[in-house]
Amino acid sequence: MNTWQTIKRTMTVGLVLLAGWALALPAWAEMDPAKKRDIQTLMEVSGTIESLKQFRPLMLQSYSNILKTAYKDQNIPQEFWDEFLNTIITDADLDSLVEEILPIYDQNFTHDEIRELIAAFQTPAYRKWVTRLPTMMQASSEAGRRWGRNLAQSGVIQQRLEMLKMKYSLGEPSEGAPQGEGMR
């Protein structure tokens, strides 16, 4: 398979994975236009649209890595990368993904529930939460790493694993088995 076929297949798989859960949806003709507008508003105020936009750089990075590997012996000009970033996955592509997702909301929420959710997402507390979430997620991730490291270093996991191995008479690992902590 040549490089372009690999890139095309990878791009196709990425787009299918991104929108795959939006399959088998009803036609737009069935959706009330006012409800559709409110669903779009909900997706905006809830941060869903922004989250979908974050897929774009991740997918582009994946595709650019494939290209860089495939053409590692060639000097790809900056103009190529500029055009690549603006043409491979466009805003229109993301808009079409939103169009695929809107019916999911339509199927799962009444129009009144959509309106209630919009009101909830527009509260000062929610807006504060949204702005602080990235920092909180980073701090939580760091806390999780510290917790895991401390738990592992405390020997508690090793003790529990040894108790389970004894309880079930597992003995020593098979020859050629991984020899990480707790496997001995």
N, C-alpha and C. Protein backbone atom coordinates (compact mmCIF):
# COMPACT_ATOMS: atom_id res chain seq x y z
N MET A 1 0.86 -1.18 0.00
CA MET A 1 0.00 0.00 0.00
C MET A 1 0.90 1.23 0.00
N ASN A 2 0.61 2.20 -0.87
CA ASN A 2 1.45 3.39 -0.92
C ASN A 2 1.08 4.36 0.20
N THR A 3 1.90 5.38 0.35
CA THR A 3 1.73 6.34 1.45
C THR A 3 0.40 7.05 1.39
N TRP A 4 -0.02 7.49 0.21
CA TRP A 4 -1.28 8.22 0.11
C TRP A 4 -2.47 7.33 0.46
N GLN A 5 -2.39 6.05 0.10
CA GLN A 5 -3.47 5.14 0.47
C GLN A 5 -3.52 4.98 1.99
N THR A 6 -2.34 4.90 2.61
CA THR A 6 -2.28 4.80 4.06
C THR A 6 -2.85 6.04 4.71
N ILE A 7 -2.49 7.21 4.21
CA ILE A 7 -2.98 8.47 4.75
C ILE A 7 -4.49 8.55 4.57
N LYS A 8 -4.95 8.20 3.37
CA LYS A 8 -6.39 8.26 3.10
C LYS A 8 -7.14 7.31 4.02
N ARG A 9 -6.62 6.11 4.20
CA ARG A 9 -7.28 5.15 5.08
C ARG A 9 -7.27 5.66 6.53
N THR A 10 -6.16 6.20 6.97
CA THR A 10 -6.07 6.72 8.34
C THR A 10 -7.04 7.87 8.54
N MET A 11 -7.13 8.77 7.56
CA MET A 11 -8.06 9.90 7.67
C MET A 11 -9.50 9.40 7.70
N THR A 12 -9.79 8.42 6.87
CA THR A 12 -11.14 7.88 6.82
C THR A 12 -11.50 7.23 8.14
N VAL A 13 -10.57 6.43 8.68
CA VAL A 13 -10.82 5.78 9.96
C VAL A 13 -11.03 6.83 11.05
N GLY A 14 -10.21 7.88 11.06
CA GLY A 14 -10.35 8.93 12.07
C GLY A 14 -11.70 9.61 12.00
N LEU A 15 -12.11 9.96 10.80
CA LEU A 15 -13.41 10.62 10.65
C LEU A 15 -14.56 9.69 10.99
N VAL A 16 -14.42 8.42 10.63
CA VAL A 16 -15.47 7.46 10.95
C VAL A 16 -15.56 7.28 12.47
N LEU A 17 -14.41 7.18 13.15
CA LEU A 17 -14.43 7.04 14.60
C LEU A 17 -15.03 8.27 15.26
N LEU A 18 -14.69 9.43 14.72
CA LEU A 18 -15.19 10.67 15.30
C LEU A 18 -16.70 10.79 15.17
N ALA A 19 -17.23 10.35 14.05
CA ALA A 19 -18.67 10.51 13.81
C ALA A 19 -19.43 9.19 13.83
N GLY A 20 -18.74 8.10 14.10
CA GLY A 20 -19.35 6.78 14.01
C GLY A 20 -20.56 6.58 14.89
N TRP A 21 -20.55 7.19 16.05
CA TRP A 21 -21.67 7.00 16.95
C TRP A 21 -22.90 7.79 16.51
N ALA A 22 -22.79 8.50 15.40
CA ALA A 22 -23.93 9.28 14.91
C ALA A 22 -24.66 8.57 13.77
N LEU A 23 -24.46 7.25 13.66
CA LEU A 23 -25.09 6.50 12.57
C LEU A 23 -26.57 6.23 12.84
N ALA A 24 -27.25 5.92 11.80
CA ALA A 24 -28.66 5.51 11.87
C ALA A 24 -29.54 6.55 12.56
N LEU A 25 -29.39 7.78 12.17
CA LEU A 25 -30.16 8.86 12.78
C LEU A 25 -31.35 9.22 11.89
N PRO A 26 -32.40 9.77 12.49
CA PRO A 26 -33.56 10.14 11.68
C PRO A 26 -33.25 11.32 10.77
N ALA A 27 -34.02 11.48 9.76
CA ALA A 27 -33.83 12.59 8.83
C ALA A 27 -34.17 13.90 9.50
N TRP A 28 -33.55 14.99 9.00
CA TRP A 28 -33.81 16.31 9.57
C TRP A 28 -35.27 16.74 9.42
N ALA A 29 -35.92 16.20 8.45
CA ALA A 29 -37.31 16.60 8.22
C ALA A 29 -38.17 16.33 9.45
N GLU A 30 -37.74 15.42 10.30
CA GLU A 30 -38.50 15.06 11.49
C GLU A 30 -38.25 16.01 12.66
N MET A 31 -37.22 16.83 12.58
CA MET A 31 -36.88 17.68 13.72
C MET A 31 -37.51 19.06 13.59
N ASP A 32 -38.10 19.49 14.68
CA ASP A 32 -38.68 20.82 14.77
C ASP A 32 -37.55 21.86 14.63
N PRO A 33 -37.69 22.83 13.71
CA PRO A 33 -36.63 23.82 13.50
C PRO A 33 -36.28 24.62 14.77
N ALA A 34 -37.26 24.94 15.60
CA ALA A 34 -36.99 25.68 16.84
C ALA A 34 -36.18 24.81 17.80
N LYS A 35 -36.52 23.53 17.86
CA LYS A 35 -35.76 22.62 18.73
C LYS A 35 -34.33 22.47 18.21
N LYS A 36 -34.18 22.39 16.89
CA LYS A 36 -32.85 22.27 16.30
C LYS A 36 -31.99 23.47 16.69
N ARG A 37 -32.56 24.68 16.59
CA ARG A 37 -31.82 25.90 16.98
C ARG A 37 -31.43 25.84 18.45
N ASP A 38 -32.36 25.37 19.28
CA ASP A 38 -32.05 25.28 20.71
C ASP A 38 -30.99 24.22 21.00
N ILE A 39 -31.01 23.14 20.27
CA ILE A 39 -29.98 22.12 20.44
C ILE A 39 -28.62 22.70 20.06
N GLN A 40 -28.58 23.44 18.95
CA GLN A 40 -27.32 24.09 18.56
C GLN A 40 -26.85 25.05 19.65
N THR A 41 -27.77 25.80 20.24
CA THR A 41 -27.42 26.70 21.34
C THR A 41 -26.89 25.90 22.52
N LEU A 42 -27.56 24.81 22.85
CA LEU A 42 -27.10 23.97 23.96
C LEU A 42 -25.69 23.45 23.69
N MET A 43 -25.43 23.01 22.47
CA MET A 43 -24.10 22.50 22.15
C MET A 43 -23.05 23.60 22.28
N GLU A 44 -23.42 24.82 21.97
CA GLU A 44 -22.49 25.96 22.13
C GLU A 44 -22.24 26.25 23.60
N VAL A 45 -23.33 26.48 24.38
CA VAL A 45 -23.16 26.92 25.77
C VAL A 45 -22.60 25.82 26.66
N SER A 46 -22.78 24.55 26.28
CA SER A 46 -22.27 23.45 27.09
C SER A 46 -20.80 23.16 26.81
N GLY A 47 -20.26 23.75 25.73
CA GLY A 47 -18.86 23.49 25.38
C GLY A 47 -18.68 22.32 24.44
N THR A 48 -19.80 21.71 24.00
CA THR A 48 -19.71 20.56 23.10
C THR A 48 -19.05 20.94 21.77
N ILE A 49 -19.44 22.07 21.21
CA ILE A 49 -18.87 22.51 19.93
C ILE A 49 -17.36 22.71 20.09
N GLU A 50 -16.98 23.37 21.15
CA GLU A 50 -15.54 23.60 21.40
C GLU A 50 -14.80 22.28 21.56
N SER A 51 -15.40 21.33 22.24
CA SER A 51 -14.77 20.02 22.41
C SER A 51 -14.58 19.33 21.06
N LEU A 52 -15.59 19.42 20.20
CA LEU A 52 -15.47 18.82 18.87
C LEU A 52 -14.35 19.48 18.08
N LYS A 53 -14.19 20.78 18.24
CA LYS A 53 -13.12 21.49 17.54
C LYS A 53 -11.74 21.02 17.99
N GLN A 54 -11.65 20.52 19.20
CA GLN A 54 -10.37 20.04 19.71
C GLN A 54 -9.93 18.75 19.04
N PHE A 55 -10.85 18.04 18.41
CA PHE A 55 -10.48 16.84 17.66
C PHE A 55 -9.65 17.20 16.43
N ARG A 56 -9.91 18.35 15.85
CA ARG A 56 -9.25 18.74 14.62
C ARG A 56 -7.73 18.76 14.75
N PRO A 57 -7.16 19.48 15.73
CA PRO A 57 -5.69 19.46 15.83
C PRO A 57 -5.13 18.08 16.13
N LEU A 58 -5.86 17.28 16.90
CA LEU A 58 -5.38 15.93 17.20
C LEU A 58 -5.32 15.08 15.93
N MET A 59 -6.35 15.17 15.12
CA MET A 59 -6.36 14.42 13.87
C MET A 59 -5.30 14.93 12.91
N LEU A 60 -5.17 16.26 12.84
CA LEU A 60 -4.16 16.83 11.95
C LEU A 60 -2.75 16.43 12.39
N GLN A 61 -2.51 16.39 13.68
CA GLN A 61 -1.20 15.98 14.18
C GLN A 61 -0.92 14.53 13.79
N SER A 62 -1.92 13.70 13.91
CA SER A 62 -1.76 12.30 13.53
C SER A 62 -1.41 12.18 12.05
N TYR A 63 -2.14 12.90 11.22
CA TYR A 63 -1.88 12.84 9.78
C TYR A 63 -0.52 13.44 9.43
N SER A 64 -0.16 14.52 10.11
CA SER A 64 1.13 15.12 9.80
C SER A 64 2.27 14.20 10.23
N ASN A 65 2.10 13.47 11.32
CA ASN A 65 3.13 12.50 11.73
C ASN A 65 3.31 11.42 10.68
N ILE A 66 2.20 10.96 10.11
CA ILE A 66 2.28 9.94 9.05
C ILE A 66 3.05 10.50 7.86
N LEU A 67 2.69 11.73 7.47
CA LEU A 67 3.38 12.34 6.34
C LEU A 67 4.86 12.55 6.61
N LYS A 68 5.18 13.04 7.80
CA LYS A 68 6.59 13.28 8.15
C LYS A 68 7.39 11.99 8.12
N THR A 69 6.76 10.91 8.57
CA THR A 69 7.44 9.61 8.53
C THR A 69 7.58 9.12 7.10
N ALA A 70 6.53 9.27 6.33
CA ALA A 70 6.54 8.79 4.95
C ALA A 70 7.52 9.57 4.08
N TYR A 71 7.68 10.86 4.38
CA TYR A 71 8.53 11.72 3.56
C TYR A 71 9.72 12.24 4.35
N LYS A 72 10.24 11.41 5.25
CA LYS A 72 11.31 11.86 6.13
C LYS A 72 12.57 12.26 5.37
N ASP A 73 12.77 11.73 4.19
CA ASP A 73 13.96 12.07 3.41
C ASP A 73 13.76 13.31 2.54
N GLN A 74 12.57 13.88 2.56
CA GLN A 74 12.29 15.04 1.72
C GLN A 74 12.05 16.27 2.60
N ASN A 75 12.40 17.40 2.07
CA ASN A 75 12.19 18.65 2.77
C ASN A 75 10.83 19.21 2.35
N ILE A 76 9.83 18.99 3.20
CA ILE A 76 8.49 19.47 2.87
C ILE A 76 8.44 20.96 3.19
N PRO A 77 8.06 21.79 2.23
CA PRO A 77 8.06 23.25 2.47
C PRO A 77 6.98 23.68 3.46
N GLN A 78 7.23 24.76 4.16
CA GLN A 78 6.28 25.29 5.14
C GLN A 78 4.94 25.62 4.50
N GLU A 79 4.97 26.04 3.24
CA GLU A 79 3.72 26.36 2.55
C GLU A 79 2.80 25.14 2.50
N PHE A 80 3.42 23.96 2.31
CA PHE A 80 2.63 22.72 2.31
C PHE A 80 1.91 22.56 3.64
N TRP A 81 2.64 22.73 4.76
CA TRP A 81 2.04 22.55 6.08
C TRP A 81 0.97 23.60 6.35
N ASP A 82 1.20 24.83 5.88
CA ASP A 82 0.18 25.88 6.06
C ASP A 82 -1.11 25.48 5.34
N GLU A 83 -0.96 25.03 4.11
CA GLU A 83 -2.13 24.63 3.35
C GLU A 83 -2.76 23.36 3.93
N PHE A 84 -1.93 22.44 4.35
CA PHE A 84 -2.38 21.20 4.97
C PHE A 84 -3.30 21.49 6.15
N LEU A 85 -2.88 22.40 7.04
CA LEU A 85 -3.66 22.72 8.23
C LEU A 85 -5.00 23.35 7.90
N ASN A 86 -5.08 24.04 6.77
CA ASN A 86 -6.31 24.75 6.41
C ASN A 86 -7.21 23.99 5.44
N THR A 87 -6.74 22.87 4.90
CA THR A 87 -7.56 22.20 3.89
C THR A 87 -7.92 20.75 4.22
N ILE A 88 -7.19 20.10 5.08
CA ILE A 88 -7.44 18.68 5.33
C ILE A 88 -8.74 18.47 6.09
N ILE A 89 -8.91 19.15 7.20
CA ILE A 89 -10.17 19.09 7.95
C ILE A 89 -10.62 20.54 8.13
N THR A 90 -11.69 20.89 7.45
CA THR A 90 -12.14 22.28 7.44
C THR A 90 -13.22 22.53 8.47
N ASP A 91 -13.54 23.80 8.67
CA ASP A 91 -14.66 24.15 9.54
C ASP A 91 -15.96 23.54 9.02
N ALA A 92 -16.09 23.47 7.70
CA ALA A 92 -17.29 22.86 7.11
C ALA A 92 -17.39 21.38 7.48
N ASP A 93 -16.23 20.70 7.55
CA ASP A 93 -16.24 19.30 7.98
C ASP A 93 -16.76 19.18 9.41
N LEU A 94 -16.30 20.07 10.27
CA LEU A 94 -16.76 20.05 11.66
C LEU A 94 -18.24 20.40 11.75
N ASP A 95 -18.68 21.34 10.91
CA ASP A 95 -20.10 21.68 10.88
C ASP A 95 -20.93 20.47 10.48
N SER A 96 -20.43 19.68 9.54
CA SER A 96 -21.18 18.50 9.12
C SER A 96 -21.22 17.46 10.24
N LEU A 97 -20.19 17.41 11.07
CA LEU A 97 -20.22 16.52 12.22
C LEU A 97 -21.29 16.98 13.21
N VAL A 98 -21.37 18.27 13.45
CA VAL A 98 -22.41 18.80 14.34
C VAL A 98 -23.78 18.42 13.79
N GLU A 99 -23.97 18.54 12.48
CA GLU A 99 -25.25 18.17 11.87
C GLU A 99 -25.58 16.70 12.12
N GLU A 100 -24.56 15.86 12.19
CA GLU A 100 -24.79 14.44 12.46
C GLU A 100 -25.14 14.20 13.92
N ILE A 101 -24.66 15.05 14.80
CA ILE A 101 -24.86 14.86 16.24
C ILE A 101 -26.19 15.45 16.71
N LEU A 102 -26.66 16.50 16.08
CA LEU A 102 -27.90 17.14 16.52
C LEU A 102 -29.06 16.16 16.71
N PRO A 103 -29.28 15.21 15.80
CA PRO A 103 -30.39 14.28 15.99
C PRO A 103 -30.26 13.41 17.25
N ILE A 104 -29.03 13.21 17.71
CA ILE A 104 -28.83 12.42 18.93
C ILE A 104 -29.48 13.15 20.11
N TYR A 105 -29.26 14.46 20.18
CA TYR A 105 -29.89 15.26 21.21
C TYR A 105 -31.42 15.23 21.05
N ASP A 106 -31.85 15.34 19.80
CA ASP A 106 -33.28 15.35 19.51
C ASP A 106 -33.94 14.06 20.02
N GLN A 107 -33.27 12.95 19.84
CA GLN A 107 -33.82 11.66 20.24
C GLN A 107 -33.81 11.47 21.75
N ASN A 108 -32.91 12.13 22.44
CA ASN A 108 -32.71 11.86 23.86
C ASN A 108 -33.30 12.89 24.82
N PHE A 109 -33.68 14.05 24.29
CA PHE A 109 -34.21 15.11 25.15
C PHE A 109 -35.43 15.75 24.52
N THR A 110 -36.39 16.10 25.37
CA THR A 110 -37.53 16.87 24.88
C THR A 110 -37.06 18.31 24.67
N HIS A 111 -37.88 19.09 23.99
CA HIS A 111 -37.55 20.49 23.75
C HIS A 111 -37.47 21.24 25.08
N ASP A 112 -38.39 20.95 26.00
CA ASP A 112 -38.35 21.59 27.32
C ASP A 112 -37.06 21.24 28.07
N GLU A 113 -36.63 20.00 27.98
CA GLU A 113 -35.38 19.60 28.65
C GLU A 113 -34.18 20.32 28.04
N ILE A 114 -34.20 20.49 26.72
CA ILE A 114 -33.12 21.23 26.05
C ILE A 114 -33.07 22.65 26.60
N ARG A 115 -34.21 23.29 26.71
CA ARG A 115 -34.28 24.66 27.24
C ARG A 115 -33.76 24.72 28.68
N GLU A 116 -34.14 23.73 29.49
CA GLU A 116 -33.67 23.69 30.88
C GLU A 116 -32.15 23.54 30.94
N LEU A 117 -31.62 22.70 30.07
CA LEU A 117 -30.17 22.50 30.04
C LEU A 117 -29.45 23.79 29.61
N ILE A 118 -30.01 24.48 28.63
CA ILE A 118 -29.41 25.76 28.21
C ILE A 118 -29.35 26.71 29.40
N ALA A 119 -30.44 26.81 30.14
CA ALA A 119 -30.47 27.70 31.31
C ALA A 119 -29.41 27.28 32.34
N ALA A 120 -29.29 25.98 32.56
CA ALA A 120 -28.32 25.49 33.54
C ALA A 120 -26.89 25.82 33.11
N PHE A 121 -26.61 25.64 31.82
CA PHE A 121 -25.25 25.89 31.32
C PHE A 121 -24.91 27.37 31.27
N GLN A 122 -25.90 28.23 31.38
CA GLN A 122 -25.63 29.66 31.32
C GLN A 122 -25.50 30.28 32.71
N THR A 123 -25.51 29.48 33.77
CA THR A 123 -25.37 30.02 35.11
C THR A 123 -23.93 30.45 35.37
N PRO A 124 -23.72 31.43 36.25
CA PRO A 124 -22.35 31.85 36.59
C PRO A 124 -21.50 30.69 37.15
N ALA A 125 -22.11 29.82 37.94
CA ALA A 125 -21.35 28.70 38.50
C ALA A 125 -20.83 27.78 37.39
N TYR A 126 -21.67 27.49 36.40
CA TYR A 126 -21.21 26.63 35.30
C TYR A 126 -20.12 27.32 34.50
N ARG A 127 -20.30 28.59 34.21
CA ARG A 127 -19.27 29.31 33.45
C ARG A 127 -17.94 29.30 34.20
N LYS A 128 -17.99 29.45 35.50
CA LYS A 128 -16.77 29.38 36.30
C LYS A 128 -16.15 27.99 36.20
N TRP A 129 -17.01 26.97 36.30
CA TRP A 129 -16.53 25.60 36.22
C TRP A 129 -15.83 25.34 34.88
N VAL A 130 -16.44 25.81 33.80
CA VAL A 130 -15.86 25.61 32.47
C VAL A 130 -14.48 26.27 32.37
N THR A 131 -14.36 27.49 32.89
CA THR A 131 -13.07 28.18 32.77
C THR A 131 -12.00 27.54 33.65
N ARG A 132 -12.41 26.96 34.75
CA ARG A 132 -11.45 26.34 35.68
C ARG A 132 -11.18 24.88 35.38
N LEU A 133 -12.01 24.25 34.58
CA LEU A 133 -11.89 22.82 34.33
C LEU A 133 -10.53 22.40 33.80
N PRO A 134 -9.93 23.07 32.81
CA PRO A 134 -8.62 22.61 32.33
C PRO A 134 -7.56 22.59 33.45
N THR A 135 -7.54 23.62 34.28
CA THR A 135 -6.59 23.67 35.38
C THR A 135 -6.89 22.57 36.39
N MET A 136 -8.18 22.38 36.67
CA MET A 136 -8.57 21.34 37.62
C MET A 136 -8.22 19.95 37.09
N MET A 137 -8.41 19.72 35.79
CA MET A 137 -8.08 18.43 35.19
C MET A 137 -6.58 18.17 35.27
N GLN A 138 -5.78 19.19 35.00
CA GLN A 138 -4.34 19.04 35.07
C GLN A 138 -3.91 18.73 36.51
N ALA A 139 -4.45 19.47 37.46
CA ALA A 139 -4.12 19.24 38.87
C ALA A 139 -4.59 17.85 39.31
N SER A 140 -5.76 17.43 38.85
CA SER A 140 -6.28 16.11 39.20
C SER A 140 -5.40 15.01 38.61
N SER A 141 -4.93 15.22 37.40
CA SER A 141 -4.04 14.25 36.76
C SER A 141 -2.74 14.13 37.55
N GLU A 142 -2.19 15.26 37.96
CA GLU A 142 -0.97 15.25 38.77
C GLU A 142 -1.21 14.56 40.11
N ALA A 143 -2.36 14.84 40.73
CA ALA A 143 -2.71 14.19 41.99
C ALA A 143 -2.82 12.67 41.80
N GLY A 144 -3.42 12.25 40.69
CA GLY A 144 -3.55 10.83 40.40
C GLY A 144 -2.20 10.15 40.21
N ARG A 145 -1.28 10.83 39.53
CA ARG A 145 0.06 10.28 39.36
C ARG A 145 0.77 10.14 40.71
N ARG A 146 0.66 11.18 41.54
CA ARG A 146 1.29 11.13 42.87
C ARG A 146 0.68 10.00 43.70
N TRP A 147 -0.64 9.91 43.67
CA TRP A 147 -1.34 8.87 44.43
C TRP A 147 -0.87 7.48 43.99
N GLY A 148 -0.84 7.25 42.67
CA GLY A 148 -0.42 5.96 42.15
C GLY A 148 1.02 5.63 42.52
N ARG A 149 1.89 6.63 42.39
CA ARG A 149 3.30 6.43 42.73
C ARG A 149 3.45 6.12 44.22
N ASN A 150 2.76 6.89 45.08
CA ASN A 150 2.84 6.67 46.52
C ASN A 150 2.28 5.31 46.91
N LEU A 151 1.19 4.92 46.30
CA LEU A 151 0.59 3.62 46.59
C LEU A 151 1.55 2.49 46.20
N ALA A 152 2.14 2.62 45.02
CA ALA A 152 3.08 1.60 44.56
C ALA A 152 4.32 1.55 45.46
N GLN A 153 4.83 2.71 45.84
CA GLN A 153 6.03 2.77 46.67
C GLN A 153 5.77 2.30 48.09
N SER A 154 4.53 2.39 48.55
CA SER A 154 4.21 1.99 49.92
C SER A 154 4.28 0.47 50.09
N GLY A 155 4.24 -0.26 49.02
CA GLY A 155 4.28 -1.71 49.09
C GLY A 155 2.90 -2.34 49.27
N VAL A 156 1.86 -1.53 49.39
CA VAL A 156 0.52 -2.05 49.61
C VAL A 156 0.07 -2.92 48.44
N ILE A 157 0.30 -2.47 47.23
CA ILE A 157 -0.11 -3.25 46.06
C ILE A 157 0.63 -4.57 46.03
N GLN A 158 1.93 -4.53 46.29
CA GLN A 158 2.75 -5.74 46.29
C GLN A 158 2.23 -6.73 47.35
N GLN A 159 1.89 -6.22 48.55
CA GLN A 159 1.37 -7.07 49.61
C GLN A 159 0.04 -7.71 49.21
N ARG A 160 -0.84 -6.93 48.65
CA ARG A 160 -2.15 -7.45 48.24
C ARG A 160 -2.01 -8.49 47.14
N LEU A 161 -1.11 -8.23 46.19
CA LEU A 161 -0.88 -9.18 45.11
C LEU A 161 -0.30 -10.47 45.66
N GLU A 162 0.63 -10.37 46.60
CA GLU A 162 1.22 -11.57 47.20
C GLU A 162 0.14 -12.39 47.93
N MET A 163 -0.76 -11.71 48.63
CA MET A 163 -1.85 -12.41 49.33
C MET A 163 -2.74 -13.15 48.33
N LEU A 164 -3.07 -12.50 47.22
CA LEU A 164 -3.89 -13.15 46.20
C LEU A 164 -3.16 -14.33 45.58
N LYS A 165 -1.88 -14.17 45.30
CA LYS A 165 -1.10 -15.27 44.72
C LYS A 165 -1.08 -16.47 45.66
N MET A 166 -0.91 -16.22 46.98
CA MET A 166 -0.91 -17.31 47.96
C MET A 166 -2.30 -17.93 48.05
N LYS A 167 -3.33 -17.10 48.11
CA LYS A 167 -4.70 -17.59 48.26
C LYS A 167 -5.07 -18.54 47.12
N TYR A 168 -4.62 -18.22 45.92
CA TYR A 168 -4.97 -19.03 44.76
C TYR A 168 -3.83 -19.94 44.31
N SER A 169 -2.80 -20.06 45.17
CA SER A 169 -1.66 -20.96 44.92
C SER A 169 -1.07 -20.76 43.53
N LEU A 170 -0.81 -19.50 43.20
CA LEU A 170 -0.27 -19.22 41.87
C LEU A 170 1.21 -19.54 41.75
N GLY A 171 1.94 -19.51 42.81
CA GLY A 171 3.37 -19.80 42.73
C GLY A 171 4.10 -18.72 41.95
N GLU A 172 5.14 -19.15 41.25
CA GLU A 172 5.97 -18.21 40.49
C GLU A 172 5.45 -18.09 39.07
N PRO A 173 5.68 -16.93 38.44
CA PRO A 173 5.24 -16.76 37.05
C PRO A 173 5.91 -17.75 36.12
N SER A 174 5.26 -18.01 35.00
CA SER A 174 5.82 -18.91 33.99
C SER A 174 7.11 -18.34 33.44
N GLU A 175 7.95 -19.22 32.93
CA GLU A 175 9.20 -18.78 32.32
C GLU A 175 8.88 -17.90 31.11
N GLY A 176 9.55 -16.78 30.99
CA GLY A 176 9.33 -15.86 29.88
C GLY A 176 8.23 -14.85 30.15
N ALA A 177 7.56 -14.96 31.32
CA ALA A 177 6.50 -14.01 31.67
C ALA A 177 7.13 -12.69 32.06
N PRO A 178 6.38 -11.61 31.95
CA PRO A 178 6.91 -10.31 32.37
C PRO A 178 7.40 -10.37 33.81
N GLN A 179 8.48 -9.65 34.09
CA GLN A 179 9.08 -9.70 35.42
C GLN A 179 9.02 -8.38 36.13
N GLY A 180 7.93 -7.62 35.95
CA GLY A 180 7.77 -6.35 36.63
C GLY A 180 7.47 -6.54 38.10
N GLU A 181 7.36 -5.41 38.81
CA GLU A 181 7.02 -5.45 40.23
C GLU A 181 5.76 -6.27 40.44
N GLY A 182 5.78 -7.10 41.46
CA GLY A 182 4.60 -7.88 41.81
C GLY A 182 4.47 -9.16 41.01
N MET A 183 5.30 -9.36 40.01
CA MET A 183 5.21 -10.57 39.19
C MET A 183 6.15 -11.64 39.71
N ARG A 184 7.06 -11.29 40.61
CA ARG A 184 8.03 -12.27 41.09
C ARG A 184 7.45 -13.11 42.18
